[in-house]
Amino acid sequence: MSLSKGKIIIAEPFLGDKNFERSVVLLCEYNKQGAFGLVLNQLTNLKLDDVMENVYSELPLYLGGPVEQNTLHFIHRLGNEIDGAVDIGNGVFWSGDFKQVKTLVNIGKISEDDIRLFIGYSGWSGGQLEKELKQNSWIISDIDASLIFETPSKNFWREVLKRMGGQYKVLSNYPTDPRLN
C-alpha cells in the first residue's frame, strides 16, 4: 500500500519515538514536498473552551503532533456543511470555515461524534516519511469516518490493528513494555 492523502500510518509497537508511541496518524496532505498529518489517538486534558474565547463547548482536544502546538486543526464528517472543507476520503473531511464551526458548536449542532479538534500537527519533509517506512517504523492502512469518530482513543491503536487482521491482529496485543511481562 502506498502513501496518499486520507491514509493512516500506524506506529509499529517498537517505534521508539515518544512523540508517536502507539500513534495512529491521519495523512491530511501528502505530496513531494512532504506530509501533514494529525495523531488521532492522543487525547489531552484540554477542552475547546479552555483554549478559545467565545466558545461554549467541552469538546475534547487531541494532540495532533509535536509541531506548532499553538495551532488548532480539525477533521470532521460533516462534509460540505462546513464551507471550505477538504474531502480526504472515506467520509472524512479536513478543515473548513472555523467561524462556521464555532457557531455550530455554540448552538449545539456539532457533537464529539462529528468532529475531532487537535492542537499541533505532525509533519514530514519531502522523502522523510518514505525513509521512515523503509525503516519499518510505520504501517500504512485505510480508515473510514466511523472508526475515527466512534472508537475511544485509549483503544484506537489496538482496534485499528485488530481490524486489519492477520499479522497485524497479533501486533495489536504487543505489550507497551515487554520487559514487564
N, C-alpha and C. Protein backbone atom coordinates (compact mmCIF):
# COMPACT_ATOMS: atom_id res chain seq x y z
N MET A 1 0.85 -1.17 0.00
CA MET A 1 0.00 0.00 0.00
C MET A 1 0.90 1.24 0.00
N SER A 2 0.50 2.24 -0.74
CA SER A 2 1.34 3.43 -0.83
C SER A 2 0.72 4.60 -0.07
N LEU A 3 1.56 5.56 0.23
CA LEU A 3 1.14 6.76 0.95
C LEU A 3 0.29 7.65 0.06
N SER A 4 -0.73 8.24 0.65
CA SER A 4 -1.53 9.25 -0.03
C SER A 4 -2.42 9.94 1.00
N LYS A 5 -2.97 11.06 0.60
CA LYS A 5 -3.92 11.79 1.45
C LYS A 5 -5.07 10.86 1.81
N GLY A 6 -5.47 10.87 3.08
CA GLY A 6 -6.58 10.04 3.53
C GLY A 6 -6.17 8.70 4.11
N LYS A 7 -4.92 8.30 3.93
CA LYS A 7 -4.42 7.06 4.53
C LYS A 7 -4.03 7.34 5.98
N ILE A 8 -3.91 6.27 6.73
CA ILE A 8 -3.36 6.40 8.07
C ILE A 8 -2.03 5.68 8.12
N ILE A 9 -1.17 6.16 9.01
CA ILE A 9 0.05 5.44 9.31
C ILE A 9 -0.02 5.08 10.79
N ILE A 10 0.31 3.84 11.07
CA ILE A 10 0.20 3.29 12.41
C ILE A 10 1.60 3.00 12.91
N ALA A 11 1.92 3.52 14.09
CA ALA A 11 3.26 3.32 14.65
C ALA A 11 3.46 1.85 15.00
N GLU A 12 4.60 1.30 14.54
CA GLU A 12 4.98 -0.04 14.96
C GLU A 12 5.14 -0.04 16.48
N PRO A 13 4.86 -1.15 17.14
CA PRO A 13 4.92 -1.15 18.61
C PRO A 13 6.31 -0.85 19.17
N PHE A 14 7.35 -1.04 18.38
CA PHE A 14 8.71 -0.81 18.86
C PHE A 14 9.33 0.43 18.21
N LEU A 15 8.51 1.40 17.84
CA LEU A 15 8.97 2.61 17.14
C LEU A 15 10.07 3.35 17.90
N GLY A 16 9.91 3.53 19.20
CA GLY A 16 10.96 4.17 19.98
C GLY A 16 10.96 5.68 19.96
N ASP A 17 9.94 6.31 19.42
CA ASP A 17 9.81 7.76 19.41
C ASP A 17 8.63 8.12 20.32
N LYS A 18 8.92 8.74 21.44
CA LYS A 18 7.87 9.05 22.43
C LYS A 18 6.75 9.92 21.83
N ASN A 19 7.08 10.76 20.84
CA ASN A 19 6.05 11.59 20.20
C ASN A 19 4.99 10.75 19.49
N PHE A 20 5.37 9.57 19.04
CA PHE A 20 4.46 8.78 18.22
C PHE A 20 4.21 7.37 18.75
N GLU A 21 4.57 7.11 19.99
CA GLU A 21 4.36 5.78 20.57
C GLU A 21 2.88 5.40 20.50
N ARG A 22 2.62 4.26 19.86
CA ARG A 22 1.25 3.72 19.71
C ARG A 22 0.29 4.72 19.05
N SER A 23 0.82 5.52 18.15
CA SER A 23 0.01 6.53 17.47
C SER A 23 -0.56 6.02 16.16
N VAL A 24 -1.69 6.61 15.81
CA VAL A 24 -2.30 6.44 14.50
C VAL A 24 -2.44 7.84 13.93
N VAL A 25 -1.80 8.09 12.79
CA VAL A 25 -1.77 9.42 12.20
C VAL A 25 -2.54 9.43 10.89
N LEU A 26 -3.49 10.33 10.78
CA LEU A 26 -4.24 10.52 9.54
C LEU A 26 -3.48 11.50 8.67
N LEU A 27 -3.16 11.08 7.43
CA LEU A 27 -2.48 11.97 6.50
C LEU A 27 -3.52 12.86 5.81
N CYS A 28 -3.47 14.14 6.13
CA CYS A 28 -4.41 15.11 5.54
C CYS A 28 -3.87 15.68 4.24
N GLU A 29 -2.55 15.67 4.10
CA GLU A 29 -1.89 16.17 2.90
C GLU A 29 -0.64 15.34 2.68
N TYR A 30 -0.41 14.98 1.43
CA TYR A 30 0.78 14.22 1.09
C TYR A 30 1.18 14.54 -0.34
N ASN A 31 2.44 14.99 -0.53
CA ASN A 31 2.95 15.26 -1.86
C ASN A 31 4.49 15.20 -1.82
N LYS A 32 5.14 15.58 -2.92
CA LYS A 32 6.61 15.50 -2.99
C LYS A 32 7.30 16.38 -1.95
N GLN A 33 6.62 17.47 -1.55
CA GLN A 33 7.22 18.37 -0.57
C GLN A 33 7.17 17.82 0.85
N GLY A 34 6.30 16.84 1.09
CA GLY A 34 6.21 16.24 2.41
C GLY A 34 4.80 15.83 2.78
N ALA A 35 4.58 15.69 4.08
CA ALA A 35 3.28 15.21 4.57
C ALA A 35 2.86 16.02 5.79
N PHE A 36 1.54 16.16 5.92
CA PHE A 36 0.91 16.81 7.06
C PHE A 36 -0.11 15.84 7.60
N GLY A 37 -0.04 15.56 8.90
CA GLY A 37 -0.99 14.63 9.49
C GLY A 37 -1.38 15.01 10.90
N LEU A 38 -2.40 14.31 11.40
CA LEU A 38 -2.90 14.53 12.75
C LEU A 38 -2.97 13.20 13.48
N VAL A 39 -2.40 13.17 14.69
CA VAL A 39 -2.45 11.96 15.51
C VAL A 39 -3.87 11.83 16.03
N LEU A 40 -4.49 10.70 15.74
CA LEU A 40 -5.90 10.51 16.06
C LEU A 40 -6.16 10.05 17.49
N ASN A 41 -5.15 9.58 18.18
CA ASN A 41 -5.43 8.91 19.46
C ASN A 41 -4.63 9.43 20.65
N GLN A 42 -4.22 10.69 20.62
CA GLN A 42 -3.54 11.26 21.79
C GLN A 42 -4.41 12.35 22.40
N LEU A 43 -5.33 11.94 23.25
CA LEU A 43 -6.25 12.84 23.92
C LEU A 43 -5.51 13.67 24.97
N THR A 44 -5.80 14.96 25.01
CA THR A 44 -5.22 15.83 26.04
C THR A 44 -6.24 16.01 27.16
N ASN A 45 -5.87 16.76 28.19
CA ASN A 45 -6.81 17.09 29.26
C ASN A 45 -7.55 18.39 28.96
N LEU A 46 -7.28 18.99 27.82
CA LEU A 46 -7.88 20.27 27.45
C LEU A 46 -9.20 20.10 26.72
N LYS A 47 -10.05 21.09 26.88
CA LYS A 47 -11.33 21.16 26.15
C LYS A 47 -11.27 22.41 25.26
N LEU A 48 -12.12 22.45 24.25
CA LEU A 48 -12.12 23.57 23.31
C LEU A 48 -12.28 24.90 24.03
N ASP A 49 -13.17 24.97 25.01
CA ASP A 49 -13.38 26.25 25.68
C ASP A 49 -12.20 26.65 26.59
N ASP A 50 -11.25 25.75 26.81
CA ASP A 50 -10.03 26.10 27.55
C ASP A 50 -9.08 26.94 26.70
N VAL A 51 -9.16 26.79 25.39
CA VAL A 51 -8.18 27.45 24.51
C VAL A 51 -8.79 28.53 23.62
N MET A 52 -10.12 28.67 23.63
CA MET A 52 -10.76 29.66 22.77
C MET A 52 -11.78 30.47 23.55
N GLU A 53 -11.77 31.75 23.29
CA GLU A 53 -12.80 32.62 23.88
C GLU A 53 -14.06 32.53 23.04
N ASN A 54 -15.19 32.79 23.65
CA ASN A 54 -16.49 32.81 22.98
C ASN A 54 -16.88 31.48 22.36
N VAL A 55 -16.38 30.40 22.94
CA VAL A 55 -16.80 29.06 22.53
C VAL A 55 -17.32 28.39 23.79
N TYR A 56 -18.50 27.84 23.69
CA TYR A 56 -19.15 27.27 24.86
C TYR A 56 -19.31 25.77 24.63
N SER A 57 -18.18 25.09 24.71
CA SER A 57 -18.20 23.66 24.43
C SER A 57 -17.08 22.96 25.18
N GLU A 58 -17.36 21.79 25.62
CA GLU A 58 -16.34 20.97 26.27
C GLU A 58 -15.86 19.88 25.33
N LEU A 59 -15.86 20.15 24.03
CA LEU A 59 -15.30 19.19 23.09
C LEU A 59 -13.84 18.95 23.46
N PRO A 60 -13.42 17.68 23.49
CA PRO A 60 -12.03 17.39 23.86
C PRO A 60 -11.05 17.78 22.77
N LEU A 61 -9.83 18.09 23.19
CA LEU A 61 -8.75 18.39 22.24
C LEU A 61 -7.76 17.24 22.24
N TYR A 62 -7.29 16.90 21.05
CA TYR A 62 -6.29 15.87 20.86
C TYR A 62 -4.96 16.55 20.52
N LEU A 63 -3.88 15.85 20.78
CA LEU A 63 -2.56 16.34 20.40
C LEU A 63 -2.29 15.83 18.99
N GLY A 64 -2.34 16.74 18.02
CA GLY A 64 -2.17 16.36 16.62
C GLY A 64 -0.75 15.98 16.26
N GLY A 65 0.19 16.38 17.09
CA GLY A 65 1.59 16.07 16.85
C GLY A 65 2.49 17.08 17.53
N PRO A 66 3.78 16.89 17.38
CA PRO A 66 4.74 17.73 18.10
C PRO A 66 5.02 19.09 17.47
N VAL A 67 4.47 19.36 16.29
CA VAL A 67 4.78 20.60 15.57
C VAL A 67 3.72 21.66 15.87
N GLU A 68 4.18 22.89 16.14
CA GLU A 68 3.32 24.06 16.34
C GLU A 68 2.09 23.77 17.22
N GLN A 69 2.36 23.44 18.45
CA GLN A 69 1.27 23.09 19.36
C GLN A 69 0.46 24.30 19.82
N ASN A 70 0.70 25.43 19.21
CA ASN A 70 -0.11 26.63 19.45
C ASN A 70 -1.12 26.84 18.33
N THR A 71 -1.30 25.83 17.47
CA THR A 71 -2.26 25.92 16.37
C THR A 71 -3.39 24.92 16.60
N LEU A 72 -4.55 25.22 16.03
CA LEU A 72 -5.73 24.38 16.16
C LEU A 72 -6.13 23.86 14.78
N HIS A 73 -6.38 22.56 14.70
CA HIS A 73 -6.77 21.91 13.45
C HIS A 73 -7.98 21.03 13.74
N PHE A 74 -8.71 20.66 12.69
CA PHE A 74 -9.84 19.77 12.93
C PHE A 74 -10.16 18.93 11.70
N ILE A 75 -10.72 17.76 12.01
CA ILE A 75 -11.29 16.89 10.98
C ILE A 75 -12.74 16.66 11.38
N HIS A 76 -13.55 16.29 10.42
CA HIS A 76 -14.98 16.10 10.71
C HIS A 76 -15.60 15.20 9.67
N ARG A 77 -16.84 14.84 9.92
CA ARG A 77 -17.60 14.07 8.93
C ARG A 77 -18.88 14.79 8.55
N LEU A 78 -18.78 16.11 8.50
CA LEU A 78 -19.93 16.95 8.17
C LEU A 78 -19.97 17.33 6.69
N GLY A 79 -18.96 16.91 5.96
CA GLY A 79 -18.93 17.16 4.53
C GLY A 79 -19.02 18.63 4.19
N ASN A 80 -19.82 18.92 3.19
CA ASN A 80 -19.92 20.29 2.70
C ASN A 80 -20.80 21.18 3.56
N GLU A 81 -21.26 20.67 4.71
CA GLU A 81 -21.97 21.53 5.67
C GLU A 81 -21.02 22.60 6.21
N ILE A 82 -19.71 22.31 6.12
CA ILE A 82 -18.68 23.26 6.55
C ILE A 82 -18.02 23.81 5.28
N ASP A 83 -18.20 25.10 5.03
CA ASP A 83 -17.62 25.72 3.84
C ASP A 83 -16.11 25.54 3.84
N GLY A 84 -15.56 25.22 2.68
CA GLY A 84 -14.12 25.11 2.52
C GLY A 84 -13.52 23.81 3.02
N ALA A 85 -14.35 22.87 3.43
CA ALA A 85 -13.84 21.59 3.92
C ALA A 85 -13.15 20.83 2.79
N VAL A 86 -12.07 20.13 3.12
CA VAL A 86 -11.31 19.35 2.15
C VAL A 86 -11.67 17.87 2.34
N ASP A 87 -12.20 17.26 1.29
CA ASP A 87 -12.56 15.84 1.33
C ASP A 87 -11.28 15.03 1.22
N ILE A 88 -10.92 14.30 2.27
CA ILE A 88 -9.71 13.48 2.19
C ILE A 88 -10.05 12.00 2.02
N GLY A 89 -11.33 11.70 1.85
CA GLY A 89 -11.75 10.34 1.51
C GLY A 89 -12.42 9.59 2.65
N ASN A 90 -13.21 8.60 2.25
CA ASN A 90 -13.88 7.68 3.18
C ASN A 90 -14.73 8.40 4.23
N GLY A 91 -15.37 9.49 3.82
CA GLY A 91 -16.27 10.20 4.72
C GLY A 91 -15.58 11.12 5.71
N VAL A 92 -14.28 11.37 5.52
CA VAL A 92 -13.52 12.23 6.43
C VAL A 92 -13.17 13.53 5.70
N PHE A 93 -13.37 14.65 6.40
CA PHE A 93 -13.07 15.96 5.86
C PHE A 93 -12.12 16.68 6.80
N TRP A 94 -11.26 17.50 6.22
CA TRP A 94 -10.26 18.24 6.98
C TRP A 94 -10.51 19.72 6.83
N SER A 95 -10.51 20.43 7.94
CA SER A 95 -10.55 21.87 7.98
C SER A 95 -11.86 22.45 7.45
N GLY A 96 -11.83 23.71 7.12
CA GLY A 96 -13.01 24.43 6.65
C GLY A 96 -13.13 25.73 7.41
N ASP A 97 -14.27 26.38 7.25
CA ASP A 97 -14.54 27.69 7.85
C ASP A 97 -14.73 27.53 9.37
N PHE A 98 -13.72 27.95 10.14
CA PHE A 98 -13.78 27.75 11.58
C PHE A 98 -14.81 28.64 12.26
N LYS A 99 -15.09 29.82 11.70
CA LYS A 99 -16.16 30.66 12.26
C LYS A 99 -17.49 29.92 12.22
N GLN A 100 -17.71 29.24 11.12
CA GLN A 100 -18.93 28.46 10.96
C GLN A 100 -18.96 27.31 11.98
N VAL A 101 -17.83 26.66 12.17
CA VAL A 101 -17.75 25.57 13.15
C VAL A 101 -18.06 26.10 14.55
N LYS A 102 -17.46 27.25 14.92
CA LYS A 102 -17.72 27.84 16.24
C LYS A 102 -19.21 28.10 16.44
N THR A 103 -19.86 28.64 15.44
CA THR A 103 -21.29 28.92 15.54
C THR A 103 -22.07 27.62 15.74
N LEU A 104 -21.77 26.61 14.93
CA LEU A 104 -22.48 25.32 15.04
C LEU A 104 -22.22 24.64 16.37
N VAL A 105 -21.01 24.78 16.89
CA VAL A 105 -20.67 24.22 18.21
C VAL A 105 -21.48 24.94 19.28
N ASN A 106 -21.50 26.26 19.22
CA ASN A 106 -22.18 27.05 20.25
C ASN A 106 -23.69 26.82 20.29
N ILE A 107 -24.30 26.48 19.15
CA ILE A 107 -25.74 26.22 19.16
C ILE A 107 -26.05 24.72 19.28
N GLY A 108 -25.01 23.93 19.54
CA GLY A 108 -25.22 22.50 19.79
C GLY A 108 -25.45 21.64 18.57
N LYS A 109 -25.07 22.13 17.39
CA LYS A 109 -25.28 21.36 16.15
C LYS A 109 -24.12 20.45 15.79
N ILE A 110 -23.00 20.57 16.53
CA ILE A 110 -21.84 19.70 16.30
C ILE A 110 -21.51 19.01 17.61
N SER A 111 -21.38 17.70 17.54
CA SER A 111 -21.04 16.93 18.73
C SER A 111 -19.69 16.23 18.54
N GLU A 112 -19.24 15.59 19.59
CA GLU A 112 -17.98 14.85 19.56
C GLU A 112 -18.00 13.73 18.52
N ASP A 113 -19.18 13.27 18.15
CA ASP A 113 -19.29 12.22 17.13
C ASP A 113 -19.09 12.76 15.71
N ASP A 114 -19.02 14.08 15.58
CA ASP A 114 -18.91 14.71 14.26
C ASP A 114 -17.55 15.31 13.97
N ILE A 115 -16.80 15.65 15.01
CA ILE A 115 -15.59 16.45 14.83
C ILE A 115 -14.51 16.02 15.82
N ARG A 116 -13.26 16.14 15.38
CA ARG A 116 -12.11 15.98 16.28
C ARG A 116 -11.25 17.22 16.11
N LEU A 117 -10.86 17.79 17.24
CA LEU A 117 -10.05 19.01 17.25
C LEU A 117 -8.67 18.68 17.80
N PHE A 118 -7.65 19.31 17.21
CA PHE A 118 -6.26 18.99 17.54
C PHE A 118 -5.46 20.25 17.78
N ILE A 119 -4.56 20.17 18.76
CA ILE A 119 -3.56 21.21 18.91
C ILE A 119 -2.27 20.62 18.35
N GLY A 120 -1.62 21.40 17.51
CA GLY A 120 -0.40 20.92 16.87
C GLY A 120 -0.69 19.95 15.74
N TYR A 121 0.37 19.54 15.07
CA TYR A 121 0.24 18.60 13.96
C TYR A 121 1.54 17.82 13.81
N SER A 122 1.50 16.85 12.92
CA SER A 122 2.67 16.04 12.59
C SER A 122 3.08 16.40 11.18
N GLY A 123 4.37 16.60 10.98
CA GLY A 123 4.84 16.99 9.65
C GLY A 123 6.13 16.30 9.28
N TRP A 124 6.27 16.02 8.01
CA TRP A 124 7.47 15.38 7.47
C TRP A 124 7.90 16.14 6.21
N SER A 125 9.17 16.36 6.06
CA SER A 125 9.67 17.00 4.84
C SER A 125 9.69 15.95 3.72
N GLY A 126 9.90 16.41 2.50
CA GLY A 126 9.92 15.52 1.35
C GLY A 126 10.90 14.36 1.54
N GLY A 127 10.44 13.14 1.38
CA GLY A 127 11.28 11.95 1.49
C GLY A 127 11.45 11.41 2.91
N GLN A 128 11.17 12.22 3.92
CA GLN A 128 11.38 11.80 5.30
C GLN A 128 10.46 10.65 5.71
N LEU A 129 9.19 10.73 5.39
CA LEU A 129 8.25 9.68 5.76
C LEU A 129 8.56 8.38 5.01
N GLU A 130 8.94 8.51 3.74
CA GLU A 130 9.31 7.33 2.96
C GLU A 130 10.51 6.61 3.60
N LYS A 131 11.47 7.39 4.09
CA LYS A 131 12.64 6.82 4.76
C LYS A 131 12.21 6.07 6.02
N GLU A 132 11.30 6.67 6.79
CA GLU A 132 10.80 6.02 8.00
C GLU A 132 10.05 4.73 7.67
N LEU A 133 9.34 4.72 6.55
CA LEU A 133 8.65 3.49 6.14
C LEU A 133 9.64 2.38 5.80
N LYS A 134 10.73 2.73 5.14
CA LYS A 134 11.76 1.75 4.82
C LYS A 134 12.42 1.18 6.07
N GLN A 135 12.39 1.97 7.15
CA GLN A 135 12.94 1.52 8.43
C GLN A 135 11.90 0.75 9.25
N ASN A 136 10.76 0.47 8.63
CA ASN A 136 9.67 -0.28 9.28
C ASN A 136 9.15 0.40 10.54
N SER A 137 9.07 1.72 10.51
CA SER A 137 8.56 2.47 11.66
C SER A 137 7.04 2.59 11.63
N TRP A 138 6.45 2.48 10.43
CA TRP A 138 5.03 2.71 10.25
C TRP A 138 4.39 1.61 9.41
N ILE A 139 3.10 1.43 9.62
CA ILE A 139 2.26 0.55 8.82
C ILE A 139 1.22 1.45 8.15
N ILE A 140 0.99 1.28 6.86
CA ILE A 140 0.02 2.10 6.13
C ILE A 140 -1.30 1.35 6.03
N SER A 141 -2.40 2.06 6.20
CA SER A 141 -3.72 1.43 6.06
C SER A 141 -4.75 2.47 5.64
N ASP A 142 -5.94 1.97 5.35
CA ASP A 142 -7.09 2.81 5.08
C ASP A 142 -7.87 3.00 6.38
N ILE A 143 -8.76 3.97 6.39
CA ILE A 143 -9.62 4.19 7.55
C ILE A 143 -10.91 4.84 7.06
N ASP A 144 -11.96 4.71 7.85
CA ASP A 144 -13.20 5.40 7.50
C ASP A 144 -13.67 6.24 8.67
N ALA A 145 -14.62 7.10 8.40
CA ALA A 145 -15.09 8.05 9.40
C ALA A 145 -15.64 7.36 10.64
N SER A 146 -16.36 6.26 10.47
CA SER A 146 -16.96 5.62 11.64
C SER A 146 -15.89 5.14 12.62
N LEU A 147 -14.80 4.58 12.12
CA LEU A 147 -13.73 4.14 13.02
C LEU A 147 -13.10 5.33 13.74
N ILE A 148 -12.86 6.40 13.03
CA ILE A 148 -12.24 7.59 13.64
C ILE A 148 -13.13 8.18 14.74
N PHE A 149 -14.40 8.37 14.43
CA PHE A 149 -15.26 9.14 15.33
C PHE A 149 -15.99 8.29 16.36
N GLU A 150 -15.95 6.97 16.23
CA GLU A 150 -16.71 6.12 17.14
C GLU A 150 -15.85 5.21 18.01
N THR A 151 -14.53 5.24 17.85
CA THR A 151 -13.65 4.38 18.63
C THR A 151 -12.95 5.20 19.70
N PRO A 152 -13.06 4.80 20.97
CA PRO A 152 -12.38 5.55 22.03
C PRO A 152 -10.87 5.61 21.80
N SER A 153 -10.27 6.76 22.11
CA SER A 153 -8.84 6.96 21.81
C SER A 153 -7.95 5.98 22.55
N LYS A 154 -8.33 5.56 23.75
CA LYS A 154 -7.46 4.65 24.51
C LYS A 154 -7.35 3.27 23.85
N ASN A 155 -8.32 2.88 23.05
CA ASN A 155 -8.29 1.58 22.36
C ASN A 155 -7.96 1.71 20.89
N PHE A 156 -7.73 2.90 20.41
CA PHE A 156 -7.69 3.17 18.98
C PHE A 156 -6.57 2.41 18.24
N TRP A 157 -5.34 2.51 18.70
CA TRP A 157 -4.20 1.86 18.05
C TRP A 157 -4.46 0.36 17.94
N ARG A 158 -4.85 -0.23 19.06
CA ARG A 158 -5.11 -1.68 19.10
C ARG A 158 -6.27 -2.06 18.17
N GLU A 159 -7.35 -1.28 18.19
CA GLU A 159 -8.53 -1.59 17.38
C GLU A 159 -8.23 -1.50 15.88
N VAL A 160 -7.46 -0.49 15.48
CA VAL A 160 -7.10 -0.36 14.07
C VAL A 160 -6.32 -1.59 13.60
N LEU A 161 -5.34 -2.01 14.39
CA LEU A 161 -4.54 -3.19 14.02
C LEU A 161 -5.39 -4.46 14.01
N LYS A 162 -6.26 -4.62 14.99
CA LYS A 162 -7.13 -5.81 15.03
C LYS A 162 -7.98 -5.90 13.77
N ARG A 163 -8.54 -4.78 13.35
CA ARG A 163 -9.41 -4.78 12.16
C ARG A 163 -8.63 -5.10 10.89
N MET A 164 -7.33 -4.86 10.90
CA MET A 164 -6.52 -5.19 9.73
C MET A 164 -6.32 -6.70 9.61
N GLY A 165 -6.44 -7.41 10.73
CA GLY A 165 -6.36 -8.87 10.73
C GLY A 165 -4.94 -9.40 10.54
N GLY A 166 -4.83 -10.72 10.44
CA GLY A 166 -3.56 -11.40 10.19
C GLY A 166 -2.47 -11.02 11.17
N GLN A 167 -1.29 -10.75 10.63
CA GLN A 167 -0.13 -10.42 11.46
C GLN A 167 -0.36 -9.15 12.29
N TYR A 168 -1.22 -8.26 11.79
CA TYR A 168 -1.48 -7.01 12.50
C TYR A 168 -2.33 -7.26 13.75
N LYS A 169 -3.22 -8.23 13.67
CA LYS A 169 -4.01 -8.59 14.85
C LYS A 169 -3.09 -9.09 15.96
N VAL A 170 -2.07 -9.85 15.59
CA VAL A 170 -1.09 -10.31 16.57
C VAL A 170 -0.34 -9.12 17.17
N LEU A 171 0.08 -8.19 16.32
CA LEU A 171 0.79 -6.98 16.79
C LEU A 171 -0.05 -6.17 17.77
N SER A 172 -1.37 -6.19 17.59
CA SER A 172 -2.24 -5.38 18.44
C SER A 172 -2.15 -5.79 19.91
N ASN A 173 -1.68 -6.99 20.16
CA ASN A 173 -1.54 -7.48 21.54
C ASN A 173 -0.14 -7.30 22.10
N TYR A 174 0.75 -6.69 21.34
CA TYR A 174 2.13 -6.48 21.78
C TYR A 174 2.11 -5.55 22.99
N PRO A 175 2.76 -5.93 24.08
CA PRO A 175 2.73 -5.10 25.29
C PRO A 175 3.46 -3.77 25.10
N THR A 176 3.02 -2.75 25.80
CA THR A 176 3.65 -1.44 25.73
C THR A 176 5.11 -1.55 26.17
N ASP A 177 5.35 -2.30 27.24
CA ASP A 177 6.72 -2.53 27.73
C ASP A 177 6.91 -4.03 27.92
N PRO A 178 7.52 -4.71 26.93
CA PRO A 178 7.65 -6.16 27.01
C PRO A 178 8.47 -6.63 28.20
N ARG A 179 9.26 -5.76 28.81
CA ARG A 179 10.05 -6.14 29.98
C ARG A 179 9.17 -6.43 31.19
N LEU A 180 7.94 -5.94 31.15
CA LEU A 180 7.02 -6.11 32.28
C LEU A 180 6.23 -7.41 32.19
N ASN A 181 6.43 -8.19 31.14
CA ASN A 181 5.73 -9.47 31.01
C ASN A 181 6.34 -10.53 31.88
